[in-house]
């Protein structure tokens, strides 16, 4: 049997680091900008991991996502309430 409920995303170190970086930027930021923030902090999280994690977090409602005029997706943390 298969469950009809979506699986809860794994809470990994990389996911926590990406969320903290998005929160620190406090505005909409692209995956590249968030990755740059992580690298500046000394993180070894790869760019592909940042892209996948941001897409997953947006799909689960943890982040807001918009399309920028130049065609990139930008993300920010959702505000409470």
Protein backbone atom coordinates (compact mmCIF):
# COMPACT_ATOMS: atom_id res chain seq x y z
CA UNK A 1 0.00 0.00 0.00
CA UNK A 2 1.09 3.53 -0.64
CA UNK A 3 0.32 6.60 1.42
CA UNK A 4 -1.60 9.47 -0.15
CA UNK A 5 -0.03 12.00 2.22
CA UNK A 6 3.13 13.80 1.07
CA UNK A 7 6.34 12.70 2.72
CA UNK A 8 7.81 15.06 5.29
CA UNK A 9 11.07 16.53 3.99
CA UNK A 10 14.18 15.30 5.77
CA UNK A 11 15.66 17.87 8.13
CA UNK A 12 19.29 17.74 7.03
CA UNK A 13 22.24 19.96 7.89
CA UNK A 14 22.19 21.32 4.35
CA UNK A 15 18.49 22.17 4.55
CA UNK A 16 19.05 23.99 7.86
CA UNK A 17 22.00 25.94 6.44
CA UNK A 18 20.00 26.94 3.35
CA UNK A 19 17.06 28.09 5.47
CA UNK A 20 19.37 30.14 7.72
CA UNK A 21 20.99 31.77 4.69
CA UNK A 22 17.59 32.64 3.21
CA UNK A 23 16.48 34.11 6.54
CA UNK A 24 19.69 36.14 6.85
CA UNK A 25 19.14 37.75 3.45
CA UNK A 26 15.65 38.93 4.57
CA UNK A 27 14.54 39.63 0.99
CA UNK A 28 13.90 37.68 -2.19
CA UNK A 29 17.14 36.04 -3.34
CA UNK A 30 18.02 33.65 -6.15
CA UNK A 31 19.57 30.24 -5.59
CA UNK A 32 22.91 31.66 -6.76
CA UNK A 33 22.72 34.51 -4.22
CA UNK A 34 21.85 32.09 -1.41
CA UNK A 35 24.68 29.79 -2.52
CA UNK A 36 27.08 32.77 -2.51
CA UNK A 37 25.95 33.58 1.06
CA UNK A 38 26.60 29.99 2.12
CA UNK A 39 30.07 29.97 0.53
CA UNK A 40 30.89 33.26 2.29
CA UNK A 41 29.98 31.55 5.57
CA UNK A 42 32.30 28.66 4.76
CA UNK A 43 29.63 26.12 3.89
CA UNK A 44 30.37 23.32 1.45
CA UNK A 45 26.77 22.96 0.24
CA UNK A 46 26.77 22.61 -3.55
CA UNK A 47 24.78 24.78 -5.92
CA UNK A 48 22.68 21.84 -7.19
CA UNK A 49 21.72 21.02 -3.59
CA UNK A 50 20.72 24.65 -3.04
CA UNK A 51 18.48 24.59 -6.15
CA UNK A 52 16.81 21.28 -5.21
CA UNK A 53 16.31 22.27 -1.58
CA UNK A 54 14.87 25.69 -2.40
CA UNK A 55 12.42 24.11 -4.87
CA UNK A 56 11.39 21.56 -2.23
CA UNK A 57 10.99 24.23 0.45
CA UNK A 58 8.86 26.38 -1.86
CA UNK A 59 6.68 23.39 -2.76
CA UNK A 60 6.11 22.61 0.92
CA UNK A 61 5.24 26.24 1.76
CA UNK A 62 8.37 27.00 3.77
CA UNK A 63 9.49 29.63 1.28
CA UNK A 64 7.76 32.06 -1.07
CA UNK A 65 8.96 31.98 -4.67
CA UNK A 66 8.62 34.56 -7.45
CA UNK A 67 9.87 34.74 -11.03
CA UNK A 68 12.19 37.71 -11.59
CA UNK A 69 11.99 39.83 -14.77
CA UNK A 70 15.14 38.11 -16.07
CA UNK A 71 13.53 34.68 -15.68
CA UNK A 72 15.18 33.44 -12.46
CA UNK A 73 13.27 32.21 -9.45
CA UNK A 74 13.84 34.14 -6.23
CA UNK A 75 12.96 32.88 -2.77
CA UNK A 76 12.33 34.31 0.70
CA UNK A 77 11.21 32.84 3.97
CA UNK A 78 7.50 33.00 4.65
CA UNK A 79 6.46 35.39 7.36
CA UNK A 80 4.46 33.90 10.24
CA UNK A 81 0.70 34.26 10.35
